[in-house]
Amino acid sequence: MFSSAREPSVALYPDSDKIGVWPGNDADTLMLRRADGHVDYYDGESSD
């Protein structure tokens, strides 16, 4: 799906079962979540 809206940005990471949300406001922070809780950006990502 594509949209002309630029904020907030949401990305799905199916390989590591994460969802990333960038709110678009510099005062807010990036949020990466998985069903089991908050995770690091590279958690579960392969280096291939």
N, C-alpha and C. Protein backbone atom coordinates (compact mmCIF):
# COMPACT_ATOMS: atom_id res chain seq x y z
N MET A 1 0.84 -1.16 0.00
CA MET A 1 0.00 0.00 0.00
C MET A 1 0.90 1.24 0.00
N PHE A 2 0.52 2.23 -0.76
CA PHE A 2 1.26 3.48 -0.83
C PHE A 2 0.34 4.64 -0.44
N SER A 3 0.93 5.68 0.10
CA SER A 3 0.16 6.85 0.50
C SER A 3 1.01 8.09 0.32
N SER A 4 0.37 9.22 0.15
CA SER A 4 1.08 10.49 0.06
C SER A 4 1.36 11.07 1.44
N ALA A 5 0.76 10.49 2.48
CA ALA A 5 1.03 10.94 3.85
C ALA A 5 2.44 10.53 4.24
N ARG A 6 3.17 11.44 4.86
CA ARG A 6 4.56 11.15 5.22
C ARG A 6 4.72 10.90 6.71
N GLU A 7 3.79 11.32 7.52
CA GLU A 7 3.92 11.15 8.97
C GLU A 7 2.57 10.77 9.55
N PRO A 8 2.48 9.90 10.48
CA PRO A 8 3.56 9.07 11.00
C PRO A 8 3.94 8.00 10.00
N SER A 9 5.13 7.47 10.13
CA SER A 9 5.61 6.38 9.29
C SER A 9 5.53 5.08 10.07
N VAL A 10 5.08 4.05 9.41
CA VAL A 10 4.97 2.73 10.05
C VAL A 10 5.63 1.72 9.13
N ALA A 11 6.44 0.84 9.71
CA ALA A 11 7.10 -0.21 8.94
C ALA A 11 6.88 -1.55 9.63
N LEU A 12 6.63 -2.57 8.83
CA LEU A 12 6.49 -3.93 9.34
C LEU A 12 7.75 -4.71 9.00
N TYR A 13 8.25 -5.47 9.96
CA TYR A 13 9.43 -6.31 9.78
C TYR A 13 9.01 -7.76 9.98
N PRO A 14 8.52 -8.42 8.93
CA PRO A 14 7.99 -9.77 9.09
C PRO A 14 9.02 -10.82 9.51
N ASP A 15 10.28 -10.65 9.12
CA ASP A 15 11.31 -11.62 9.49
C ASP A 15 11.58 -11.65 10.98
N SER A 16 11.46 -10.50 11.64
CA SER A 16 11.72 -10.45 13.07
C SER A 16 10.45 -10.18 13.88
N ASP A 17 9.30 -10.14 13.19
CA ASP A 17 8.00 -9.98 13.85
C ASP A 17 7.91 -8.68 14.65
N LYS A 18 8.39 -7.55 14.03
CA LYS A 18 8.37 -6.25 14.69
C LYS A 18 7.53 -5.27 13.89
N ILE A 19 7.09 -4.22 14.58
CA ILE A 19 6.43 -3.07 13.97
C ILE A 19 7.19 -1.84 14.44
N GLY A 20 7.58 -0.97 13.51
CA GLY A 20 8.27 0.27 13.84
C GLY A 20 7.37 1.46 13.56
N VAL A 21 7.35 2.43 14.46
CA VAL A 21 6.54 3.64 14.29
C VAL A 21 7.42 4.85 14.50
N TRP A 22 7.48 5.73 13.51
CA TRP A 22 8.19 7.00 13.57
C TRP A 22 7.12 8.08 13.58
N PRO A 23 6.91 8.76 14.70
CA PRO A 23 5.78 9.69 14.82
C PRO A 23 5.90 10.96 13.99
N GLY A 24 7.10 11.33 13.55
CA GLY A 24 7.25 12.53 12.73
C GLY A 24 7.47 13.79 13.53
N ASN A 25 7.45 13.69 14.84
CA ASN A 25 7.70 14.83 15.71
C ASN A 25 9.05 14.59 16.38
N ASP A 26 9.98 15.52 16.25
CA ASP A 26 11.32 15.35 16.81
C ASP A 26 11.31 15.17 18.33
N ALA A 27 10.27 15.66 19.00
CA ALA A 27 10.18 15.51 20.45
C ALA A 27 9.81 14.07 20.84
N ASP A 28 9.24 13.33 19.92
CA ASP A 28 8.87 11.93 20.17
C ASP A 28 9.99 11.01 19.69
N THR A 29 9.97 9.78 20.14
CA THR A 29 11.02 8.84 19.77
C THR A 29 10.47 7.70 18.91
N LEU A 30 11.36 7.06 18.22
CA LEU A 30 11.05 5.88 17.45
C LEU A 30 10.55 4.79 18.38
N MET A 31 9.52 4.08 17.97
CA MET A 31 9.02 2.98 18.78
C MET A 31 9.08 1.70 17.95
N LEU A 32 9.78 0.71 18.45
CA LEU A 32 9.80 -0.62 17.84
C LEU A 32 9.17 -1.59 18.83
N ARG A 33 8.17 -2.32 18.37
CA ARG A 33 7.46 -3.21 19.27
C ARG A 33 7.32 -4.59 18.66
N ARG A 34 7.25 -5.54 19.51
CA ARG A 34 6.90 -6.90 19.15
C ARG A 34 5.86 -7.32 20.18
N ALA A 35 5.13 -8.36 19.92
CA ALA A 35 4.08 -8.78 20.84
C ALA A 35 4.61 -9.02 22.25
N ASP A 36 5.89 -9.41 22.35
CA ASP A 36 6.45 -9.69 23.67
C ASP A 36 7.10 -8.46 24.32
N GLY A 37 6.98 -7.28 23.71
CA GLY A 37 7.47 -6.05 24.35
C GLY A 37 8.41 -5.25 23.47
N HIS A 38 8.98 -4.19 24.04
CA HIS A 38 9.88 -3.27 23.35
C HIS A 38 11.17 -3.99 22.96
N VAL A 39 11.67 -3.74 21.76
CA VAL A 39 12.89 -4.39 21.29
C VAL A 39 13.84 -3.37 20.66
N ASP A 40 15.11 -3.75 20.56
CA ASP A 40 16.12 -2.94 19.89
C ASP A 40 15.89 -2.98 18.38
N TYR A 41 16.35 -1.96 17.66
CA TYR A 41 16.14 -1.88 16.22
C TYR A 41 16.64 -3.12 15.48
N TYR A 42 17.81 -3.62 15.82
CA TYR A 42 18.41 -4.74 15.11
C TYR A 42 18.06 -6.10 15.71
N ASP A 43 17.25 -6.17 16.75
CA ASP A 43 16.89 -7.43 17.38
C ASP A 43 16.16 -8.33 16.39
N GLY A 44 16.69 -9.52 16.17
CA GLY A 44 16.05 -10.49 15.30
C GLY A 44 16.35 -10.32 13.82
N GLU A 45 17.10 -9.30 13.43
CA GLU A 45 17.44 -9.09 12.03
C GLU A 45 18.66 -9.92 11.67
N SER A 46 18.65 -10.48 10.50
CA SER A 46 19.80 -11.26 10.07
C SER A 46 20.81 -10.32 9.41
N SER A 47 22.06 -10.74 9.36
CA SER A 47 23.11 -9.91 8.77
C SER A 47 23.38 -10.27 7.31
N ASP A 48 22.55 -11.12 6.72
CA ASP A 48 22.74 -11.52 5.31
C ASP A 48 22.38 -10.42 4.38
